[in-house]
All heavy atoms as atom14 arrays in JSON, in Angstrom:
{
  "sequence": "QGLDVQLGCRVEGLDPASRRIFGTTTEGLTFE",
  "atom14_mask": [
    [1, 1, 1, 1, 1, 1, 1, 1, 1, 0, 0, 0, 0, 0],
    [1, 1, 1, 1, 0, 0, 0, 0, 0, 0, 0, 0, 0, 0],
    [1, 1, 1, 1, 1, 1, 1, 1, 0, 0, 0, 0, 0, 0],
    [1, 1, 1, 1, 1, 1, 1, 1, 0, 0, 0, 0, 0, 0],
    [1, 1, 1, 1, 1, 1, 1, 0, 0, 0, 0, 0, 0, 0],
    [1, 1, 1, 1, 1, 1, 1, 1, 1, 0, 0, 0, 0, 0],
    [1, 1, 1, 1, 1, 1, 1, 1, 0, 0, 0, 0, 0, 0],
    [1, 1, 1, 1, 0, 0, 0, 0, 0, 0, 0, 0, 0, 0],
    [1, 1, 1, 1, 1, 1, 0, 0, 0, 0, 0, 0, 0, 0],
    [1, 1, 1, 1, 1, 1, 1, 1, 1, 1, 1, 0, 0, 0],
    [1, 1, 1, 1, 1, 1, 1, 0, 0, 0, 0, 0, 0, 0],
    [1, 1, 1, 1, 1, 1, 1, 1, 1, 0, 0, 0, 0, 0],
    [1, 1, 1, 1, 0, 0, 0, 0, 0, 0, 0, 0, 0, 0],
    [1, 1, 1, 1, 1, 1, 1, 1, 0, 0, 0, 0, 0, 0],
    [1, 1, 1, 1, 1, 1, 1, 1, 0, 0, 0, 0, 0, 0],
    [1, 1, 1, 1, 1, 1, 1, 0, 0, 0, 0, 0, 0, 0],
    [1, 1, 1, 1, 1, 0, 0, 0, 0, 0, 0, 0, 0, 0],
    [1, 1, 1, 1, 1, 1, 0, 0, 0, 0, 0, 0, 0, 0],
    [1, 1, 1, 1, 1, 1, 1, 1, 1, 1, 1, 0, 0, 0],
    [1, 1, 1, 1, 1, 1, 1, 1, 1, 1, 1, 0, 0, 0],
    [1, 1, 1, 1, 1, 1, 1, 1, 0, 0, 0, 0, 0, 0],
    [1, 1, 1, 1, 1, 1, 1, 1, 1, 1, 1, 0, 0, 0],
    [1, 1, 1, 1, 0, 0, 0, 0, 0, 0, 0, 0, 0, 0],
    [1, 1, 1, 1, 1, 1, 1, 0, 0, 0, 0, 0, 0, 0],
    [1, 1, 1, 1, 1, 1, 1, 0, 0, 0, 0, 0, 0, 0],
    [1, 1, 1, 1, 1, 1, 1, 0, 0, 0, 0, 0, 0, 0],
    [1, 1, 1, 1, 1, 1, 1, 1, 1, 0, 0, 0, 0, 0],
    [1, 1, 1, 1, 0, 0, 0, 0, 0, 0, 0, 0, 0, 0],
    [1, 1, 1, 1, 1, 1, 1, 1, 0, 0, 0, 0, 0, 0],
    [1, 1, 1, 1, 1, 1, 1, 0, 0, 0, 0, 0, 0, 0],
    [1, 1, 1, 1, 1, 1, 1, 1, 1, 1, 1, 0, 0, 0],
    [1, 1, 1, 1, 1, 1, 1, 1, 1, 0, 0, 0, 0, 0]
  ],
  "atom14_positions": [
    [[-15.44, 19.97, -13.58], [-15.97, 21.08, -14.2], [-15.22, 22.43, -13.68], [-15.53, 23.5, -14.15], [-17.46, 21.25, -13.77], [-18.31, 20.18, -14.39], [-19.77, 20.2, -14.02], [-20.19, 19.55, -13.09], [-20.52, 21.12, -14.65], [0.0, 0.0, 0.0], [0.0, 0.0, 0.0], [0.0, 0.0, 0.0], [0.0, 0.0, 0.0], [0.0, 0.0, 0.0]],
    [[-14.29, 22.3, -12.83], [-13.53, 23.46, -12.36], [-14.33, 24.33, -11.53], [-14.03, 25.65, -11.47], [0.0, 0.0, 0.0], [0.0, 0.0, 0.0], [0.0, 0.0, 0.0], [0.0, 0.0, 0.0], [0.0, 0.0, 0.0], [0.0, 0.0, 0.0], [0.0, 0.0, 0.0], [0.0, 0.0, 0.0], [0.0, 0.0, 0.0], [0.0, 0.0, 0.0]],
    [[-15.36, 23.89, -10.83], [-16.17, 24.76, -9.93], [-15.55, 24.77, -8.57], [-15.03, 23.86, -7.97], [-17.59, 24.24, -9.81], [-18.39, 24.1, -11.1], [-19.74, 23.39, -10.84], [-18.68, 25.5, -11.67], [0.0, 0.0, 0.0], [0.0, 0.0, 0.0], [0.0, 0.0, 0.0], [0.0, 0.0, 0.0], [0.0, 0.0, 0.0], [0.0, 0.0, 0.0]],
    [[-15.59, 25.98, -7.97], [-15.06, 26.14, -6.57], [-16.21, 25.96, -5.58], [-17.05, 26.88, -5.37], [-14.52, 27.6, -6.47], [-13.92, 27.83, -5.07], [-13.76, 26.9, -4.31], [-13.65, 28.99, -4.76], [0.0, 0.0, 0.0], [0.0, 0.0, 0.0], [0.0, 0.0, 0.0], [0.0, 0.0, 0.0], [0.0, 0.0, 0.0], [0.0, 0.0, 0.0]],
    [[-16.31, 24.73, -5.09], [-17.4, 24.38, -4.11], [-16.88, 24.45, -2.76], [-16.01, 23.63, -2.38], [-17.97, 22.98, -4.52], [-19.17, 22.66, -3.6], [-18.39, 22.9, -6.01], [0.0, 0.0, 0.0], [0.0, 0.0, 0.0], [0.0, 0.0, 0.0], [0.0, 0.0, 0.0], [0.0, 0.0, 0.0], [0.0, 0.0, 0.0], [0.0, 0.0, 0.0]],
    [[-17.43, 25.32, -1.89], [-16.99, 25.52, -0.57], [-18.09, 24.9, 0.39], [-19.17, 25.43, 0.42], [-16.85, 27.01, -0.26], [-15.74, 27.66, -1.15], [-14.33, 27.24, -0.75], [-14.05, 26.99, 0.45], [-13.47, 27.18, -1.67], [0.0, 0.0, 0.0], [0.0, 0.0, 0.0], [0.0, 0.0, 0.0], [0.0, 0.0, 0.0], [0.0, 0.0, 0.0]],
    [[-17.77, 23.81, 1.04], [-18.72, 23.21, 2.03], [-18.52, 23.69, 3.43], [-17.44, 24.2, 3.76], [-18.47, 21.67, 1.93], [-18.63, 20.99, 0.57], [-18.38, 19.52, 0.63], [-19.96, 21.26, -0.12], [0.0, 0.0, 0.0], [0.0, 0.0, 0.0], [0.0, 0.0, 0.0], [0.0, 0.0, 0.0], [0.0, 0.0, 0.0], [0.0, 0.0, 0.0]],
    [[-19.55, 23.55, 4.16], [-19.48, 23.95, 5.55], [-19.42, 25.49, 5.73], [-18.82, 25.95, 6.7], [0.0, 0.0, 0.0], [0.0, 0.0, 0.0], [0.0, 0.0, 0.0], [0.0, 0.0, 0.0], [0.0, 0.0, 0.0], [0.0, 0.0, 0.0], [0.0, 0.0, 0.0], [0.0, 0.0, 0.0], [0.0, 0.0, 0.0], [0.0, 0.0, 0.0]],
    [[-19.88, 26.23, 4.8], [-19.79, 27.67, 4.72], [-21.2, 28.27, 4.72], [-21.9, 28.16, 3.65], [-19.03, 28.15, 3.53], [-17.27, 27.68, 3.57], [0.0, 0.0, 0.0], [0.0, 0.0, 0.0], [0.0, 0.0, 0.0], [0.0, 0.0, 0.0], [0.0, 0.0, 0.0], [0.0, 0.0, 0.0], [0.0, 0.0, 0.0], [0.0, 0.0, 0.0]],
    [[-21.61, 28.84, 5.79], [-22.89, 29.43, 5.85], [-22.85, 30.97, 5.61], [-22.14, 31.7, 6.31], [-23.5, 29.23, 7.26], [-24.8, 29.81, 7.5], [-25.34, 29.54, 8.89], [-26.7, 30.17, 9.11], [-27.87, 29.58, 8.71], [-27.87, 28.39, 8.1], [-29.02, 30.21, 8.93], [0.0, 0.0, 0.0], [0.0, 0.0, 0.0], [0.0, 0.0, 0.0]],
    [[-23.53, 31.41, 4.54], [-23.57, 32.79, 4.18], [-24.58, 33.46, 5.14], [-25.8, 33.01, 5.04], [-23.95, 32.95, 2.68], [-24.12, 34.49, 2.38], [-22.83, 32.36, 1.81], [0.0, 0.0, 0.0], [0.0, 0.0, 0.0], [0.0, 0.0, 0.0], [0.0, 0.0, 0.0], [0.0, 0.0, 0.0], [0.0, 0.0, 0.0], [0.0, 0.0, 0.0]],
    [[-24.18, 34.51, 5.8], [-25.1, 35.11, 6.82], [-25.38, 36.53, 6.43], [-26.35, 37.13, 7.18], [-24.46, 35.03, 8.14], [-24.22, 33.56, 8.66], [-23.3, 33.48, 9.82], [-22.36, 34.4, 9.96], [-23.46, 32.52, 10.6], [0.0, 0.0, 0.0], [0.0, 0.0, 0.0], [0.0, 0.0, 0.0], [0.0, 0.0, 0.0], [0.0, 0.0, 0.0]],
    [[-24.75, 37.08, 5.51], [-25.05, 38.52, 5.14], [-24.77, 38.74, 3.68], [-23.92, 38.16, 3.08], [0.0, 0.0, 0.0], [0.0, 0.0, 0.0], [0.0, 0.0, 0.0], [0.0, 0.0, 0.0], [0.0, 0.0, 0.0], [0.0, 0.0, 0.0], [0.0, 0.0, 0.0], [0.0, 0.0, 0.0], [0.0, 0.0, 0.0], [0.0, 0.0, 0.0]],
    [[-25.52, 39.76, 3.14], [-25.4, 40.2, 1.77], [-25.54, 41.68, 1.72], [-26.45, 42.31, 2.3], [-26.55, 39.5, 0.97], [-26.94, 40.12, -0.37], [-25.72, 40.03, -1.31], [-28.09, 39.43, -0.95], [0.0, 0.0, 0.0], [0.0, 0.0, 0.0], [0.0, 0.0, 0.0], [0.0, 0.0, 0.0], [0.0, 0.0, 0.0], [0.0, 0.0, 0.0]],
    [[-24.53, 42.32, 1.08], [-24.58, 43.75, 0.92], [-24.57, 44.04, -0.67], [-23.6, 44.06, -1.28], [-23.27, 44.36, 1.52], [-23.23, 45.94, 1.29], [-24.3, 46.51, 0.99], [-22.14, 46.46, 1.56], [0.0, 0.0, 0.0], [0.0, 0.0, 0.0], [0.0, 0.0, 0.0], [0.0, 0.0, 0.0], [0.0, 0.0, 0.0], [0.0, 0.0, 0.0]],
    [[-25.83, 44.31, -1.14], [-25.92, 44.52, -2.57], [-25.16, 45.8, -3.08], [-24.72, 45.78, -4.22], [-27.41, 44.75, -2.78], [-28.06, 44.01, -1.62], [-27.13, 44.29, -0.52], [0.0, 0.0, 0.0], [0.0, 0.0, 0.0], [0.0, 0.0, 0.0], [0.0, 0.0, 0.0], [0.0, 0.0, 0.0], [0.0, 0.0, 0.0], [0.0, 0.0, 0.0]],
    [[-24.99, 46.73, -2.2], [-24.29, 48.03, -2.59], [-22.83, 47.69, -2.91], [-22.32, 48.24, -3.96], [-24.4, 49.03, -1.51], [0.0, 0.0, 0.0], [0.0, 0.0, 0.0], [0.0, 0.0, 0.0], [0.0, 0.0, 0.0], [0.0, 0.0, 0.0], [0.0, 0.0, 0.0], [0.0, 0.0, 0.0], [0.0, 0.0, 0.0], [0.0, 0.0, 0.0]],
    [[-22.15, 46.9, -2.14], [-20.73, 46.61, -2.36], [-20.55, 45.29, -3.12], [-19.42, 44.91, -3.4], [-19.95, 46.58, -1.16], [-20.45, 45.51, -0.22], [0.0, 0.0, 0.0], [0.0, 0.0, 0.0], [0.0, 0.0, 0.0], [0.0, 0.0, 0.0], [0.0, 0.0, 0.0], [0.0, 0.0, 0.0], [0.0, 0.0, 0.0], [0.0, 0.0, 0.0]],
    [[-21.66, 44.58, -3.39], [-21.63, 43.33, -4.01], [-20.77, 42.36, -3.25], [-19.83, 41.78, -3.88], [-21.23, 43.43, -5.54], [-22.23, 44.23, -6.33], [-21.83, 44.16, -7.82], [-22.5, 45.18, -8.53], [-22.22, 45.51, -9.73], [-21.23, 44.93, -10.43], [-22.9, 46.5, -10.43], [0.0, 0.0, 0.0], [0.0, 0.0, 0.0], [0.0, 0.0, 0.0]],
    [[-21.04, 42.13, -1.96], [-20.29, 41.18, -1.17], [-21.27, 40.33, -0.36], [-22.39, 40.71, -0.01], [-19.43, 42.01, -0.21], [-18.27, 42.68, -0.78], [-17.53, 43.52, 0.27], [-16.4, 44.26, -0.24], [-15.17, 43.86, -0.28], [-14.86, 42.63, 0.15], [-14.24, 44.58, -0.81], [0.0, 0.0, 0.0], [0.0, 0.0, 0.0], [0.0, 0.0, 0.0]],
    [[-20.81, 39.12, -0.12], [-21.48, 38.23, 0.81], [-20.57, 37.92, 1.97], [-19.36, 38.01, 1.78], [-21.96, 36.95, 0.14], [-20.88, 36.23, -0.56], [-23.1, 37.21, -0.91], [-20.21, 35.01, 0.21], [0.0, 0.0, 0.0], [0.0, 0.0, 0.0], [0.0, 0.0, 0.0], [0.0, 0.0, 0.0], [0.0, 0.0, 0.0], [0.0, 0.0, 0.0]],
    [[-21.1, 37.67, 3.11], [-20.3, 37.39, 4.3], [-20.87, 36.16, 5.0], [-22.05, 35.84, 4.9], [-20.46, 38.56, 5.33], [-20.2, 39.95, 4.7], [-21.26, 40.62, 4.12], [-18.97, 40.51, 4.77], [-21.04, 41.89, 3.52], [-18.75, 41.76, 4.16], [-19.8, 42.45, 3.57], [0.0, 0.0, 0.0], [0.0, 0.0, 0.0], [0.0, 0.0, 0.0]],
    [[-19.96, 35.46, 5.66], [-20.38, 34.21, 6.3], [-19.45, 33.68, 7.33], [-18.37, 34.28, 7.56], [0.0, 0.0, 0.0], [0.0, 0.0, 0.0], [0.0, 0.0, 0.0], [0.0, 0.0, 0.0], [0.0, 0.0, 0.0], [0.0, 0.0, 0.0], [0.0, 0.0, 0.0], [0.0, 0.0, 0.0], [0.0, 0.0, 0.0], [0.0, 0.0, 0.0]],
    [[-19.74, 32.45, 7.83], [-18.98, 31.77, 8.86], [-18.88, 30.31, 8.48], [-19.9, 29.72, 8.05], [-19.6, 31.94, 10.28], [-19.8, 33.35, 10.5], [-18.74, 31.38, 11.34], [0.0, 0.0, 0.0], [0.0, 0.0, 0.0], [0.0, 0.0, 0.0], [0.0, 0.0, 0.0], [0.0, 0.0, 0.0], [0.0, 0.0, 0.0], [0.0, 0.0, 0.0]],
    [[-17.76, 29.78, 8.69], [-17.56, 28.34, 8.45], [-17.98, 27.54, 9.72], [-18.13, 28.07, 10.74], [-16.12, 27.95, 8.08], [-15.26, 28.21, 9.21], [-15.57, 28.87, 6.99], [0.0, 0.0, 0.0], [0.0, 0.0, 0.0], [0.0, 0.0, 0.0], [0.0, 0.0, 0.0], [0.0, 0.0, 0.0], [0.0, 0.0, 0.0], [0.0, 0.0, 0.0]],
    [[-18.08, 26.2, 9.56], [-18.45, 25.43, 10.71], [-17.35, 25.32, 11.72], [-17.62, 25.05, 12.86], [-18.72, 23.92, 10.22], [-17.64, 23.46, 9.43], [-20.0, 23.86, 9.41], [0.0, 0.0, 0.0], [0.0, 0.0, 0.0], [0.0, 0.0, 0.0], [0.0, 0.0, 0.0], [0.0, 0.0, 0.0], [0.0, 0.0, 0.0], [0.0, 0.0, 0.0]],
    [[-16.14, 25.74, 11.35], [-15.03, 25.85, 12.31], [-15.0, 27.25, 12.97], [-14.16, 27.42, 13.83], [-13.66, 25.65, 11.55], [-13.38, 24.22, 11.14], [-14.12, 23.94, 9.84], [-14.5, 24.87, 9.13], [-14.31, 22.77, 9.52], [0.0, 0.0, 0.0], [0.0, 0.0, 0.0], [0.0, 0.0, 0.0], [0.0, 0.0, 0.0], [0.0, 0.0, 0.0]],
    [[-15.88, 28.15, 12.67], [-15.99, 29.41, 13.33], [-15.19, 30.52, 12.69], [-15.09, 31.54, 13.17], [0.0, 0.0, 0.0], [0.0, 0.0, 0.0], [0.0, 0.0, 0.0], [0.0, 0.0, 0.0], [0.0, 0.0, 0.0], [0.0, 0.0, 0.0], [0.0, 0.0, 0.0], [0.0, 0.0, 0.0], [0.0, 0.0, 0.0], [0.0, 0.0, 0.0]],
    [[-14.64, 30.2, 11.44], [-13.89, 31.26, 10.79], [-14.83, 32.05, 9.88], [-15.86, 31.57, 9.45], [-12.88, 30.57, 9.85], [-11.85, 29.69, 10.57], [-10.97, 28.98, 9.46], [-10.97, 30.47, 11.47], [0.0, 0.0, 0.0], [0.0, 0.0, 0.0], [0.0, 0.0, 0.0], [0.0, 0.0, 0.0], [0.0, 0.0, 0.0], [0.0, 0.0, 0.0]],
    [[-14.45, 33.33, 9.73], [-15.33, 34.21, 8.87], [-14.8, 34.26, 7.42], [-13.6, 34.08, 7.29], [-15.41, 35.66, 9.52], [-14.16, 36.17, 9.59], [-16.06, 35.57, 10.91], [0.0, 0.0, 0.0], [0.0, 0.0, 0.0], [0.0, 0.0, 0.0], [0.0, 0.0, 0.0], [0.0, 0.0, 0.0], [0.0, 0.0, 0.0], [0.0, 0.0, 0.0]],
    [[-15.65, 34.54, 6.56], [-15.21, 34.73, 5.17], [-16.1, 35.82, 4.5], [-17.17, 36.12, 4.99], [-15.29, 33.37, 4.39], [-16.63, 32.87, 4.22], [-17.47, 33.23, 3.1], [-17.19, 32.02, 5.14], [-18.78, 32.77, 2.98], [-18.47, 31.44, 4.95], [-19.23, 31.83, 3.9], [0.0, 0.0, 0.0], [0.0, 0.0, 0.0], [0.0, 0.0, 0.0]],
    [[-15.6, 36.35, 3.39], [-16.44, 37.21, 2.55], [-15.92, 37.04, 1.14], [-14.85, 36.59, 0.84], [-16.3, 38.68, 3.01], [-14.97, 39.32, 2.83], [-14.9, 40.82, 3.17], [-15.05, 41.12, 4.36], [-14.81, 41.62, 2.27], [0.0, 0.0, 0.0], [0.0, 0.0, 0.0], [0.0, 0.0, 0.0], [0.0, 0.0, 0.0], [0.0, 0.0, 0.0]]
  ]
}
């Protein structure tokens, strides 16, 4: 289906003003 499924990624923050989500992977890396 062409979906981008990211496993082991915990979303920990949401900023509706900037329309961004923030999180950390199980390896300790951050992402947004």
